[in-house]
Amino acid sequence: MGTTRRKFTREFKVAVVREVEAGKTVAQAAREHQVHPTQIDQWRRDLRRYGERAFAGNGRAYTDEARTAALERKVGQLAMENDLLKKALAALETRAGAPEGVKKKR
């Protein structure tokens, strides 16, 4: 059976990073806390980059890039829906007998 993933609290991660920033070597902190040195480096990068928003929750941390990508996807989806509705409205107007080129006021 496989090993289970360890979960570290935000407070633990911040404490380990602060120890390293206070002068302790990454290797020494890694040995003391039984964490891989690369993991501590990742925590340092995240804390430096995202500040108080770092280590927000389970899984991937909330980032500005992720929010921007999600909003861009939503804008693209809404633009496609808008185009579809415009085409449907134009088709309905031509079926209703409205002369082409003359738009009804909405």
N, C-alpha and C. Protein backbone atom coordinates (compact mmCIF):
# COMPACT_ATOMS: atom_id res chain seq x y z
N MET A 1 0.83 -1.18 0.00
CA MET A 1 0.00 0.00 0.00
C MET A 1 0.88 1.25 0.00
N GLY A 2 0.46 2.29 -0.69
CA GLY A 2 1.26 3.50 -0.81
C GLY A 2 1.22 4.34 0.45
N THR A 3 2.15 5.25 0.51
CA THR A 3 2.19 6.15 1.66
C THR A 3 1.21 7.29 1.46
N THR A 4 0.74 7.84 2.55
CA THR A 4 -0.19 8.96 2.45
C THR A 4 0.61 10.26 2.40
N ARG A 5 0.04 11.23 1.73
CA ARG A 5 0.69 12.53 1.62
C ARG A 5 0.59 13.26 2.95
N ARG A 6 1.66 13.92 3.31
CA ARG A 6 1.62 14.72 4.52
C ARG A 6 1.05 16.10 4.18
N LYS A 7 0.28 16.65 5.10
CA LYS A 7 -0.28 17.98 4.91
C LYS A 7 0.29 18.89 5.98
N PHE A 8 0.82 20.01 5.52
CA PHE A 8 1.42 20.97 6.44
C PHE A 8 0.53 22.19 6.54
N THR A 9 0.39 22.71 7.73
CA THR A 9 -0.42 23.91 7.92
C THR A 9 0.32 25.13 7.40
N ARG A 10 -0.43 26.17 7.17
CA ARG A 10 0.17 27.43 6.72
C ARG A 10 1.17 27.92 7.76
N GLU A 11 0.81 27.82 9.02
CA GLU A 11 1.67 28.29 10.10
C GLU A 11 3.01 27.54 10.11
N PHE A 12 2.96 26.23 9.89
CA PHE A 12 4.19 25.43 9.85
C PHE A 12 5.08 25.88 8.71
N LYS A 13 4.50 26.06 7.53
CA LYS A 13 5.28 26.47 6.37
C LYS A 13 5.94 27.83 6.59
N VAL A 14 5.16 28.76 7.13
CA VAL A 14 5.69 30.10 7.37
C VAL A 14 6.80 30.04 8.42
N ALA A 15 6.62 29.22 9.46
CA ALA A 15 7.64 29.10 10.51
C ALA A 15 8.94 28.54 9.95
N VAL A 16 8.86 27.53 9.11
CA VAL A 16 10.07 26.95 8.52
C VAL A 16 10.77 27.97 7.63
N VAL A 17 10.00 28.69 6.83
CA VAL A 17 10.60 29.71 5.96
C VAL A 17 11.26 30.80 6.79
N ARG A 18 10.61 31.21 7.86
CA ARG A 18 11.18 32.26 8.72
C ARG A 18 12.49 31.79 9.37
N GLU A 19 12.56 30.52 9.75
CA GLU A 19 13.80 29.98 10.31
C GLU A 19 14.94 30.09 9.30
N VAL A 20 14.64 29.74 8.04
CA VAL A 20 15.66 29.80 6.99
C VAL A 20 16.07 31.25 6.75
N GLU A 21 15.10 32.16 6.74
CA GLU A 21 15.42 33.56 6.52
C GLU A 21 16.19 34.17 7.69
N ALA A 22 16.05 33.56 8.87
CA ALA A 22 16.75 34.06 10.05
C ALA A 22 18.21 33.61 10.07
N GLY A 23 18.60 32.72 9.15
CA GLY A 23 20.00 32.34 9.08
C GLY A 23 20.26 30.85 9.09
N LYS A 24 19.26 30.06 9.39
CA LYS A 24 19.44 28.61 9.37
C LYS A 24 19.54 28.15 7.92
N THR A 25 20.38 27.17 7.65
CA THR A 25 20.51 26.68 6.27
C THR A 25 19.27 25.86 5.90
N VAL A 26 19.01 25.82 4.60
CA VAL A 26 17.86 25.05 4.11
C VAL A 26 18.04 23.58 4.47
N ALA A 27 19.25 23.07 4.32
CA ALA A 27 19.52 21.66 4.63
C ALA A 27 19.27 21.36 6.10
N GLN A 28 19.69 22.25 6.97
CA GLN A 28 19.49 22.05 8.40
C GLN A 28 18.01 22.08 8.75
N ALA A 29 17.27 23.04 8.22
CA ALA A 29 15.83 23.12 8.48
C ALA A 29 15.12 21.89 7.92
N ALA A 30 15.56 21.42 6.76
CA ALA A 30 14.95 20.25 6.15
C ALA A 30 15.13 19.02 7.04
N ARG A 31 16.34 18.85 7.58
CA ARG A 31 16.59 17.71 8.47
C ARG A 31 15.75 17.80 9.74
N GLU A 32 15.71 18.98 10.33
CA GLU A 32 14.98 19.15 11.59
C GLU A 32 13.49 18.89 11.43
N HIS A 33 12.93 19.33 10.32
CA HIS A 33 11.48 19.22 10.12
C HIS A 33 11.09 18.04 9.23
N GLN A 34 12.08 17.28 8.80
CA GLN A 34 11.86 16.10 7.96
C GLN A 34 11.07 16.45 6.69
N VAL A 35 11.58 17.47 6.01
CA VAL A 35 10.98 17.96 4.76
C VAL A 35 12.11 18.04 3.74
N HIS A 36 11.81 17.78 2.49
CA HIS A 36 12.83 17.86 1.44
C HIS A 36 13.24 19.31 1.24
N PRO A 37 14.53 19.57 1.04
CA PRO A 37 15.00 20.95 0.84
C PRO A 37 14.32 21.67 -0.32
N THR A 38 14.02 20.92 -1.37
CA THR A 38 13.33 21.53 -2.51
C THR A 38 11.96 22.05 -2.11
N GLN A 39 11.29 21.35 -1.20
CA GLN A 39 9.98 21.78 -0.73
C GLN A 39 10.09 23.11 0.01
N ILE A 40 11.13 23.25 0.82
CA ILE A 40 11.33 24.51 1.54
C ILE A 40 11.60 25.64 0.56
N ASP A 41 12.39 25.37 -0.48
CA ASP A 41 12.63 26.39 -1.50
C ASP A 41 11.34 26.81 -2.18
N GLN A 42 10.46 25.85 -2.45
CA GLN A 42 9.16 26.16 -3.06
C GLN A 42 8.32 27.04 -2.14
N TRP A 43 8.31 26.70 -0.86
CA TRP A 43 7.57 27.51 0.11
C TRP A 43 8.12 28.93 0.17
N ARG A 44 9.45 29.06 0.10
CA ARG A 44 10.07 30.39 0.12
C ARG A 44 9.63 31.20 -1.09
N ARG A 45 9.65 30.56 -2.28
CA ARG A 45 9.23 31.26 -3.50
C ARG A 45 7.76 31.68 -3.40
N ASP A 46 6.91 30.78 -2.93
CA ASP A 46 5.48 31.09 -2.82
C ASP A 46 5.24 32.24 -1.85
N LEU A 47 5.91 32.20 -0.71
CA LEU A 47 5.72 33.24 0.29
C LEU A 47 6.25 34.58 -0.23
N ARG A 48 7.37 34.56 -0.92
CA ARG A 48 7.93 35.79 -1.48
C ARG A 48 7.02 36.35 -2.57
N ARG A 49 6.47 35.47 -3.38
CA ARG A 49 5.67 35.91 -4.52
C ARG A 49 4.26 36.34 -4.13
N TYR A 50 3.61 35.58 -3.24
CA TYR A 50 2.20 35.83 -2.94
C TYR A 50 1.95 36.43 -1.55
N GLY A 51 2.96 36.54 -0.73
CA GLY A 51 2.81 37.18 0.57
C GLY A 51 1.76 36.50 1.43
N GLU A 52 0.83 37.28 1.93
CA GLU A 52 -0.20 36.77 2.83
C GLU A 52 -1.16 35.79 2.16
N ARG A 53 -1.25 35.83 0.83
CA ARG A 53 -2.15 34.92 0.12
C ARG A 53 -1.54 33.55 -0.11
N ALA A 54 -0.25 33.39 0.18
CA ALA A 54 0.42 32.11 -0.02
C ALA A 54 -0.18 31.06 0.92
N PHE A 55 -0.21 29.84 0.46
CA PHE A 55 -0.71 28.70 1.24
C PHE A 55 -2.17 28.91 1.65
N ALA A 56 -2.98 29.33 0.71
CA ALA A 56 -4.37 29.69 1.01
C ALA A 56 -5.22 28.49 1.41
N GLY A 57 -4.98 27.34 0.84
CA GLY A 57 -5.85 26.22 1.16
C GLY A 57 -5.33 24.93 0.57
N ASN A 58 -6.19 23.95 0.48
CA ASN A 58 -5.81 22.65 -0.06
C ASN A 58 -5.57 22.75 -1.55
N GLY A 59 -4.72 21.90 -2.04
CA GLY A 59 -4.45 21.87 -3.48
C GLY A 59 -3.66 23.07 -3.92
N ARG A 60 -3.95 23.55 -5.10
CA ARG A 60 -3.21 24.69 -5.64
C ARG A 60 -3.66 25.98 -4.97
N ALA A 61 -2.71 26.79 -4.63
CA ALA A 61 -3.02 28.06 -3.99
C ALA A 61 -3.69 28.98 -5.00
N TYR A 62 -4.54 29.84 -4.50
CA TYR A 62 -5.21 30.82 -5.33
C TYR A 62 -4.17 31.83 -5.80
N THR A 63 -4.09 32.02 -7.08
CA THR A 63 -3.12 32.97 -7.62
C THR A 63 -3.80 33.93 -8.56
N ASP A 64 -3.15 35.05 -8.77
CA ASP A 64 -3.69 36.04 -9.71
C ASP A 64 -3.75 35.46 -11.12
N GLU A 65 -2.73 34.66 -11.48
CA GLU A 65 -2.70 34.08 -12.82
C GLU A 65 -3.89 33.14 -13.04
N ALA A 66 -4.20 32.35 -12.04
CA ALA A 66 -5.32 31.42 -12.17
C ALA A 66 -6.63 32.18 -12.30
N ARG A 67 -6.79 33.24 -11.53
CA ARG A 67 -8.03 34.03 -11.60
C ARG A 67 -8.13 34.71 -12.97
N THR A 68 -7.02 35.25 -13.45
CA THR A 68 -7.03 35.90 -14.76
C THR A 68 -7.39 34.91 -15.86
N ALA A 69 -6.82 33.71 -15.80
CA ALA A 69 -7.12 32.69 -16.81
C ALA A 69 -8.60 32.30 -16.77
N ALA A 70 -9.15 32.16 -15.57
CA ALA A 70 -10.56 31.80 -15.44
C ALA A 70 -11.45 32.90 -16.00
N LEU A 71 -11.12 34.15 -15.73
CA LEU A 71 -11.91 35.26 -16.25
C LEU A 71 -11.81 35.36 -17.77
N GLU A 72 -10.62 35.10 -18.31
CA GLU A 72 -10.47 35.13 -19.77
C GLU A 72 -11.29 34.03 -20.43
N ARG A 73 -11.33 32.85 -19.81
CA ARG A 73 -12.17 31.77 -20.35
C ARG A 73 -13.63 32.18 -20.33
N LYS A 74 -14.06 32.82 -19.25
CA LYS A 74 -15.45 33.25 -19.13
C LYS A 74 -15.79 34.30 -20.18
N VAL A 75 -14.88 35.24 -20.42
CA VAL A 75 -15.11 36.28 -21.43
C VAL A 75 -15.25 35.63 -22.81
N GLY A 76 -14.39 34.67 -23.11
CA GLY A 76 -14.48 33.98 -24.39
C GLY A 76 -15.80 33.24 -24.55
N GLN A 77 -16.23 32.58 -23.49
CA GLN A 77 -17.50 31.85 -23.54
C GLN A 77 -18.67 32.82 -23.76
N LEU A 78 -18.67 33.94 -23.04
CA LEU A 78 -19.74 34.91 -23.19
C LEU A 78 -19.74 35.55 -24.57
N ALA A 79 -18.56 35.76 -25.14
CA ALA A 79 -18.48 36.33 -26.49
C ALA A 79 -19.08 35.36 -27.51
N MET A 80 -18.79 34.07 -27.34
CA MET A 80 -19.37 33.07 -28.26
C MET A 80 -20.89 33.01 -28.11
N GLU A 81 -21.38 33.06 -26.89
CA GLU A 81 -22.83 33.04 -26.66
C GLU A 81 -23.47 34.29 -27.27
N ASN A 82 -22.81 35.43 -27.14
CA ASN A 82 -23.31 36.68 -27.71
C ASN A 82 -23.45 36.58 -29.22
N ASP A 83 -22.42 36.05 -29.87
CA ASP A 83 -22.46 35.89 -31.33
C ASP A 83 -23.59 34.96 -31.75
N LEU A 84 -23.76 33.87 -31.02
CA LEU A 84 -24.84 32.92 -31.33
C LEU A 84 -26.20 33.59 -31.20
N LEU A 85 -26.39 34.34 -30.13
CA LEU A 85 -27.68 35.02 -29.93
C LEU A 85 -27.93 36.09 -30.99
N LYS A 86 -26.89 36.78 -31.42
CA LYS A 86 -27.05 37.77 -32.48
C LYS A 86 -27.49 37.12 -33.79
N LYS A 87 -26.89 35.96 -34.10
CA LYS A 87 -27.26 35.24 -35.32
C LYS A 87 -28.69 34.73 -35.22
N ALA A 88 -29.07 34.23 -34.06
CA ALA A 88 -30.44 33.73 -33.87
C ALA A 88 -31.44 34.87 -33.99
N LEU A 89 -31.13 36.02 -33.43
CA LEU A 89 -32.02 37.17 -33.52
C LEU A 89 -32.15 37.63 -34.96
N ALA A 90 -31.06 37.66 -35.70
CA ALA A 90 -31.11 38.06 -37.11
C ALA A 90 -31.98 37.09 -37.90
N ALA A 91 -31.85 35.79 -37.62
CA ALA A 91 -32.66 34.80 -38.32
C ALA A 91 -34.13 34.98 -37.99
N LEU A 92 -34.47 35.26 -36.76
CA LEU A 92 -35.86 35.47 -36.37
C LEU A 92 -36.43 36.73 -37.00
N GLU A 93 -35.61 37.78 -37.09
CA GLU A 93 -36.08 39.02 -37.69
C GLU A 93 -36.35 38.84 -39.18
N THR A 94 -35.53 38.06 -39.88
CA THR A 94 -35.76 37.85 -41.31
C THR A 94 -37.00 36.98 -41.53
N ARG A 95 -37.23 36.02 -40.65
CA ARG A 95 -38.44 35.18 -40.74
C ARG A 95 -39.70 35.98 -40.46
N ALA A 96 -39.60 36.97 -39.59
CA ALA A 96 -40.76 37.77 -39.21
C ALA A 96 -41.12 38.76 -40.31
N GLY A 97 -40.29 38.87 -41.32
CA GLY A 97 -40.62 39.73 -42.45
C GLY A 97 -40.03 41.11 -42.35
N ALA A 98 -39.18 41.35 -41.44
CA ALA A 98 -38.56 42.67 -41.36
C ALA A 98 -37.61 42.83 -42.55
N PRO A 99 -37.66 43.96 -43.22
CA PRO A 99 -36.77 44.18 -44.36
C PRO A 99 -35.32 44.18 -43.89
N GLU A 100 -34.45 43.59 -44.72
CA GLU A 100 -33.03 43.55 -44.37
C GLU A 100 -32.44 44.94 -44.36
N GLY A 101 -31.52 45.15 -43.45
CA GLY A 101 -30.88 46.44 -43.36
C GLY A 101 -31.63 47.40 -42.44
N VAL A 102 -32.87 47.09 -42.12
CA VAL A 102 -33.64 47.94 -41.20
C VAL A 102 -33.70 47.22 -39.87
N LYS A 103 -33.20 47.87 -38.88
CA LYS A 103 -33.20 47.25 -37.55
C LYS A 103 -34.33 47.83 -36.72
N LYS A 104 -34.93 46.97 -35.96
CA LYS A 104 -35.99 47.42 -35.06
C LYS A 104 -35.35 48.00 -33.81
N LYS A 105 -36.03 48.97 -33.22
CA LYS A 105 -35.54 49.51 -31.96
C LYS A 105 -35.83 48.52 -30.87
N ARG A 106 -34.91 48.41 -29.94
CA ARG A 106 -35.07 47.47 -28.84
C ARG A 106 -35.22 48.19 -27.55
